[in-house]
Amino acid sequence: MAIIITDECINCGACEPECPNNAIYEAADDWKYSDGTSLTGNVILPNGKEVNADEVLEAPNDEVYFIISDKCTECKGFHEEPQCAAVCPVDCCIPDEDVVETEEELLAKKAFMHTEE
């Protein structure tokens, strides 16, 4: 499953640079699927959603840092554990019970976002 950041976040920013998928953004920051990935143009995500990877999207949270679940792989393929949770001083990076994915799905998402050219 993806990781979420709870409203206990103190906006310290420790998590953002640790994310290998660029899935973590500062509160109120606009974001793109192409940020930190090899995605460009119109793509169909592994979950079947069709998106324009270069389109600037509005922040879903303007109070605390947030994680884009479509980009979160729980660091599978990069690290042994989610790095955001490992560095969070207030333990507000937790599994998102609403976005449950298998390890195989997470690894496939990682491969999809970081294709070699």
N, C-alpha and C. Protein backbone atom coordinates (compact mmCIF):
# COMPACT_ATOMS: atom_id res chain seq x y z
N MET A 1 0.83 -1.18 0.00
CA MET A 1 0.00 0.00 0.00
C MET A 1 0.87 1.24 0.00
N ALA A 2 0.31 2.31 -0.42
CA ALA A 2 1.04 3.58 -0.43
C ALA A 2 1.15 4.10 1.00
N ILE A 3 1.96 5.12 1.16
CA ILE A 3 2.13 5.78 2.44
C ILE A 3 1.38 7.11 2.38
N ILE A 4 0.81 7.52 3.51
CA ILE A 4 0.20 8.85 3.60
C ILE A 4 0.88 9.62 4.73
N ILE A 5 0.71 10.92 4.69
CA ILE A 5 1.22 11.78 5.75
C ILE A 5 0.00 12.31 6.51
N THR A 6 -0.02 12.08 7.80
CA THR A 6 -1.17 12.49 8.62
C THR A 6 -1.08 13.97 8.96
N ASP A 7 -2.16 14.48 9.52
CA ASP A 7 -2.19 15.90 9.88
C ASP A 7 -1.35 16.22 11.12
N GLU A 8 -0.68 15.20 11.67
CA GLU A 8 0.27 15.46 12.76
C GLU A 8 1.61 15.97 12.22
N CYS A 9 1.75 16.02 10.90
CA CYS A 9 2.97 16.50 10.24
C CYS A 9 3.34 17.89 10.76
N ILE A 10 4.63 18.07 11.07
CA ILE A 10 5.11 19.36 11.56
C ILE A 10 5.80 20.16 10.45
N ASN A 11 5.69 19.68 9.21
CA ASN A 11 6.25 20.36 8.04
C ASN A 11 7.76 20.58 8.15
N CYS A 12 8.45 19.59 8.69
CA CYS A 12 9.90 19.71 8.84
C CYS A 12 10.63 19.49 7.51
N GLY A 13 10.01 18.74 6.60
CA GLY A 13 10.62 18.51 5.30
C GLY A 13 11.62 17.38 5.24
N ALA A 14 11.79 16.63 6.31
CA ALA A 14 12.78 15.54 6.32
C ALA A 14 12.45 14.46 5.29
N CYS A 15 11.19 14.24 5.04
CA CYS A 15 10.76 13.14 4.17
C CYS A 15 10.98 13.42 2.68
N GLU A 16 10.76 14.64 2.26
CA GLU A 16 10.74 14.97 0.83
C GLU A 16 12.00 14.54 0.07
N PRO A 17 13.20 14.88 0.53
CA PRO A 17 14.38 14.49 -0.23
C PRO A 17 14.69 12.99 -0.19
N GLU A 18 14.05 12.27 0.71
CA GLU A 18 14.30 10.83 0.83
C GLU A 18 13.52 10.00 -0.18
N CYS A 19 12.49 10.56 -0.79
CA CYS A 19 11.61 9.80 -1.68
C CYS A 19 12.25 9.57 -3.04
N PRO A 20 12.51 8.31 -3.42
CA PRO A 20 13.15 8.02 -4.71
C PRO A 20 12.21 8.23 -5.90
N ASN A 21 10.92 8.38 -5.64
CA ASN A 21 9.94 8.55 -6.71
C ASN A 21 9.44 9.99 -6.84
N ASN A 22 9.96 10.87 -6.02
CA ASN A 22 9.49 12.25 -6.01
C ASN A 22 7.98 12.31 -5.82
N ALA A 23 7.48 11.48 -4.90
CA ALA A 23 6.05 11.40 -4.62
C ALA A 23 5.62 12.31 -3.47
N ILE A 24 6.58 12.94 -2.80
CA ILE A 24 6.28 13.77 -1.63
C ILE A 24 6.46 15.24 -1.99
N TYR A 25 5.47 16.03 -1.62
CA TYR A 25 5.49 17.45 -1.94
C TYR A 25 5.16 18.27 -0.70
N GLU A 26 5.70 19.49 -0.69
CA GLU A 26 5.41 20.43 0.39
C GLU A 26 3.96 20.89 0.28
N ALA A 27 3.36 21.18 1.41
CA ALA A 27 1.97 21.65 1.45
C ALA A 27 1.77 22.77 0.43
N ALA A 28 0.66 22.67 -0.29
CA ALA A 28 0.23 23.68 -1.27
C ALA A 28 1.06 23.69 -2.56
N ASP A 29 2.09 22.85 -2.69
CA ASP A 29 2.88 22.82 -3.92
C ASP A 29 2.12 22.07 -5.01
N ASP A 30 2.08 22.65 -6.20
CA ASP A 30 1.55 21.94 -7.34
C ASP A 30 2.54 20.84 -7.72
N TRP A 31 2.07 19.84 -8.46
CA TRP A 31 2.92 18.68 -8.75
C TRP A 31 2.60 18.12 -10.13
N LYS A 32 3.50 17.22 -10.62
CA LYS A 32 3.32 16.54 -11.90
C LYS A 32 3.76 15.08 -11.76
N TYR A 33 3.14 14.21 -12.53
CA TYR A 33 3.59 12.82 -12.55
C TYR A 33 5.02 12.72 -13.07
N SER A 34 5.42 13.63 -13.93
CA SER A 34 6.77 13.57 -14.50
C SER A 34 7.86 13.98 -13.53
N ASP A 35 7.52 14.65 -12.43
CA ASP A 35 8.52 15.07 -11.44
C ASP A 35 9.30 13.85 -10.94
N GLY A 36 10.60 13.82 -11.20
CA GLY A 36 11.45 12.76 -10.68
C GLY A 36 11.24 11.39 -11.28
N THR A 37 10.50 11.32 -12.39
CA THR A 37 10.27 10.03 -13.06
C THR A 37 10.65 10.17 -14.53
N SER A 38 10.56 9.08 -15.28
CA SER A 38 10.83 9.15 -16.72
C SER A 38 9.53 9.29 -17.52
N LEU A 39 8.42 9.55 -16.83
CA LEU A 39 7.13 9.68 -17.50
C LEU A 39 7.04 11.03 -18.23
N THR A 40 6.50 11.00 -19.45
CA THR A 40 6.25 12.22 -20.21
C THR A 40 5.00 12.04 -21.05
N GLY A 41 4.32 13.14 -21.30
CA GLY A 41 3.15 13.11 -22.16
C GLY A 41 2.01 12.27 -21.60
N ASN A 42 1.13 11.82 -22.50
CA ASN A 42 -0.02 11.01 -22.09
C ASN A 42 0.43 9.59 -21.78
N VAL A 43 0.07 9.10 -20.61
CA VAL A 43 0.43 7.74 -20.19
C VAL A 43 -0.77 7.11 -19.49
N ILE A 44 -0.77 5.80 -19.48
CA ILE A 44 -1.76 5.04 -18.70
C ILE A 44 -1.01 4.42 -17.54
N LEU A 45 -1.37 4.83 -16.34
CA LEU A 45 -0.72 4.33 -15.13
C LEU A 45 -1.04 2.85 -14.93
N PRO A 46 -0.22 2.14 -14.15
CA PRO A 46 -0.49 0.72 -13.89
C PRO A 46 -1.88 0.46 -13.32
N ASN A 47 -2.47 1.44 -12.65
CA ASN A 47 -3.82 1.27 -12.10
C ASN A 47 -4.91 1.54 -13.13
N GLY A 48 -4.50 1.84 -14.38
CA GLY A 48 -5.46 2.05 -15.46
C GLY A 48 -5.86 3.50 -15.69
N LYS A 49 -5.44 4.40 -14.80
CA LYS A 49 -5.78 5.82 -14.94
C LYS A 49 -4.96 6.44 -16.06
N GLU A 50 -5.63 7.19 -16.95
CA GLU A 50 -4.94 7.88 -18.03
C GLU A 50 -4.66 9.31 -17.59
N VAL A 51 -3.39 9.73 -17.71
CA VAL A 51 -2.98 11.06 -17.27
C VAL A 51 -2.00 11.67 -18.26
N ASN A 52 -1.85 12.97 -18.19
CA ASN A 52 -0.77 13.66 -18.90
C ASN A 52 0.31 13.90 -17.86
N ALA A 53 1.42 13.23 -17.98
CA ALA A 53 2.48 13.28 -16.97
C ALA A 53 3.07 14.67 -16.80
N ASP A 54 2.94 15.51 -17.82
CA ASP A 54 3.52 16.85 -17.77
C ASP A 54 2.54 17.92 -17.29
N GLU A 55 1.30 17.54 -17.06
CA GLU A 55 0.28 18.49 -16.60
C GLU A 55 0.53 18.86 -15.14
N VAL A 56 0.50 20.15 -14.86
CA VAL A 56 0.66 20.62 -13.49
C VAL A 56 -0.68 20.44 -12.77
N LEU A 57 -0.63 19.74 -11.64
CA LEU A 57 -1.83 19.43 -10.88
C LEU A 57 -1.81 20.16 -9.54
N GLU A 58 -3.00 20.46 -9.06
CA GLU A 58 -3.14 21.21 -7.81
C GLU A 58 -2.84 20.33 -6.60
N ALA A 59 -2.24 20.93 -5.62
CA ALA A 59 -1.92 20.23 -4.37
C ALA A 59 -3.18 19.73 -3.69
N PRO A 60 -3.20 18.47 -3.27
CA PRO A 60 -4.38 17.97 -2.55
C PRO A 60 -4.42 18.40 -1.08
N ASN A 61 -3.34 18.99 -0.61
CA ASN A 61 -3.28 19.41 0.79
C ASN A 61 -2.53 20.73 0.86
N ASP A 62 -3.11 21.72 1.50
CA ASP A 62 -2.42 23.00 1.63
C ASP A 62 -1.98 23.29 3.06
N GLU A 63 -2.04 22.25 3.92
CA GLU A 63 -1.66 22.42 5.32
C GLU A 63 -0.35 21.71 5.66
N VAL A 64 -0.19 20.48 5.15
CA VAL A 64 0.99 19.67 5.48
C VAL A 64 1.53 19.00 4.22
N TYR A 65 2.74 18.49 4.31
CA TYR A 65 3.32 17.72 3.21
C TYR A 65 2.34 16.62 2.81
N PHE A 66 2.41 16.19 1.55
CA PHE A 66 1.52 15.13 1.07
C PHE A 66 2.26 14.19 0.14
N ILE A 67 1.73 12.98 0.01
CA ILE A 67 2.29 11.95 -0.86
C ILE A 67 1.27 11.62 -1.94
N ILE A 68 1.72 11.57 -3.17
CA ILE A 68 0.87 11.17 -4.29
C ILE A 68 0.91 9.64 -4.36
N SER A 69 -0.21 9.01 -4.02
CA SER A 69 -0.23 7.54 -3.93
C SER A 69 0.08 6.87 -5.27
N ASP A 70 -0.29 7.50 -6.38
CA ASP A 70 0.02 6.92 -7.70
C ASP A 70 1.52 6.85 -7.96
N LYS A 71 2.32 7.63 -7.22
CA LYS A 71 3.77 7.63 -7.40
C LYS A 71 4.50 6.88 -6.28
N CYS A 72 3.81 6.59 -5.18
CA CYS A 72 4.45 5.94 -4.03
C CYS A 72 4.57 4.44 -4.24
N THR A 73 5.79 3.93 -4.03
CA THR A 73 6.04 2.49 -4.13
C THR A 73 6.53 1.93 -2.79
N GLU A 74 6.35 2.68 -1.71
CA GLU A 74 6.88 2.29 -0.40
C GLU A 74 8.38 2.04 -0.48
N CYS A 75 9.04 2.65 -1.45
CA CYS A 75 10.48 2.53 -1.69
C CYS A 75 10.89 1.14 -2.18
N LYS A 76 9.91 0.29 -2.55
CA LYS A 76 10.24 -1.05 -3.07
C LYS A 76 11.14 -0.89 -4.30
N GLY A 77 12.18 -1.71 -4.34
CA GLY A 77 13.13 -1.64 -5.44
C GLY A 77 14.25 -0.65 -5.21
N PHE A 78 14.11 0.15 -4.16
CA PHE A 78 15.14 1.13 -3.81
C PHE A 78 15.71 0.87 -2.42
N HIS A 79 14.83 0.65 -1.45
CA HIS A 79 15.22 0.51 -0.04
C HIS A 79 14.41 -0.60 0.62
N GLU A 80 14.84 -1.03 1.78
CA GLU A 80 14.17 -2.09 2.53
C GLU A 80 12.88 -1.63 3.20
N GLU A 81 12.77 -0.31 3.47
CA GLU A 81 11.59 0.23 4.14
C GLU A 81 11.30 1.61 3.58
N PRO A 82 10.08 2.10 3.75
CA PRO A 82 9.76 3.44 3.29
C PRO A 82 10.64 4.47 4.00
N GLN A 83 11.40 5.22 3.21
CA GLN A 83 12.35 6.16 3.78
C GLN A 83 11.68 7.35 4.46
N CYS A 84 10.50 7.75 3.98
CA CYS A 84 9.79 8.86 4.63
C CYS A 84 9.47 8.50 6.07
N ALA A 85 8.97 7.28 6.28
CA ALA A 85 8.63 6.83 7.63
C ALA A 85 9.89 6.70 8.49
N ALA A 86 10.98 6.26 7.88
CA ALA A 86 12.22 6.05 8.63
C ALA A 86 12.80 7.36 9.16
N VAL A 87 12.62 8.46 8.44
CA VAL A 87 13.21 9.73 8.87
C VAL A 87 12.24 10.67 9.56
N CYS A 88 10.96 10.34 9.57
CA CYS A 88 9.95 11.24 10.15
C CYS A 88 10.10 11.32 11.67
N PRO A 89 10.32 12.54 12.20
CA PRO A 89 10.52 12.67 13.64
C PRO A 89 9.24 12.53 14.46
N VAL A 90 8.07 12.60 13.82
CA VAL A 90 6.81 12.50 14.57
C VAL A 90 5.96 11.32 14.12
N ASP A 91 6.54 10.41 13.37
CA ASP A 91 5.86 9.18 12.93
C ASP A 91 4.51 9.44 12.25
N CYS A 92 4.47 10.42 11.35
CA CYS A 92 3.22 10.73 10.66
C CYS A 92 3.16 10.16 9.25
N CYS A 93 4.18 9.42 8.83
CA CYS A 93 4.17 8.74 7.53
C CYS A 93 3.76 7.29 7.80
N ILE A 94 2.51 6.99 7.45
CA ILE A 94 1.93 5.69 7.80
C ILE A 94 1.32 5.03 6.56
N PRO A 95 1.11 3.71 6.60
CA PRO A 95 0.46 3.03 5.47
C PRO A 95 -0.95 3.58 5.22
N ASP A 96 -1.29 3.74 3.96
CA ASP A 96 -2.61 4.22 3.56
C ASP A 96 -3.51 3.01 3.36
N GLU A 97 -4.42 2.79 4.29
CA GLU A 97 -5.31 1.63 4.24
C GLU A 97 -6.25 1.67 3.03
N ASP A 98 -6.40 2.83 2.41
CA ASP A 98 -7.27 2.97 1.24
C ASP A 98 -6.58 2.62 -0.08
N VAL A 99 -5.26 2.49 -0.05
CA VAL A 99 -4.49 2.18 -1.26
C VAL A 99 -3.62 0.96 -0.96
N VAL A 100 -4.20 -0.22 -1.14
CA VAL A 100 -3.50 -1.47 -0.83
C VAL A 100 -2.96 -2.06 -2.13
N GLU A 101 -1.64 -2.30 -2.17
CA GLU A 101 -0.98 -2.87 -3.34
C GLU A 101 -0.02 -3.97 -2.89
N THR A 102 0.14 -4.98 -3.73
CA THR A 102 1.07 -6.06 -3.43
C THR A 102 2.50 -5.58 -3.72
N GLU A 103 3.46 -6.34 -3.24
CA GLU A 103 4.86 -6.01 -3.54
C GLU A 103 5.10 -6.05 -5.04
N GLU A 104 4.49 -7.01 -5.73
CA GLU A 104 4.64 -7.11 -7.18
C GLU A 104 4.08 -5.86 -7.87
N GLU A 105 2.93 -5.37 -7.41
CA GLU A 105 2.34 -4.17 -7.99
C GLU A 105 3.23 -2.95 -7.74
N LEU A 106 3.79 -2.86 -6.54
CA LEU A 106 4.66 -1.74 -6.21
C LEU A 106 5.93 -1.77 -7.06
N LEU A 107 6.52 -2.95 -7.24
CA LEU A 107 7.71 -3.08 -8.08
C LEU A 107 7.40 -2.77 -9.54
N ALA A 108 6.22 -3.17 -10.01
CA ALA A 108 5.81 -2.87 -11.39
C ALA A 108 5.63 -1.36 -11.56
N LYS A 109 5.07 -0.70 -10.55
CA LYS A 109 4.89 0.75 -10.60
C LYS A 109 6.25 1.44 -10.65
N LYS A 110 7.19 0.96 -9.84
CA LYS A 110 8.55 1.52 -9.84
C LYS A 110 9.18 1.38 -11.22
N ALA A 111 9.08 0.19 -11.83
CA ALA A 111 9.65 -0.05 -13.16
C ALA A 111 8.97 0.84 -14.21
N PHE A 112 7.68 1.03 -14.10
CA PHE A 112 6.93 1.87 -15.02
C PHE A 112 7.40 3.33 -14.96
N MET A 113 7.60 3.82 -13.75
CA MET A 113 7.98 5.24 -13.58
C MET A 113 9.44 5.53 -13.90
N HIS A 114 10.27 4.51 -13.84
CA HIS A 114 11.71 4.72 -14.01
C HIS A 114 12.27 3.84 -15.11
N THR A 115 11.69 3.94 -16.30
CA THR A 115 12.16 3.14 -17.44
C THR A 115 13.52 3.63 -17.90
N GLU A 116 14.33 2.69 -18.30
CA GLU A 116 15.65 3.02 -18.86
C GLU A 116 15.46 3.37 -20.32
N GLU A 117 16.17 4.38 -20.78
CA GLU A 117 16.05 4.77 -22.18
C GLU A 117 17.30 4.45 -22.93
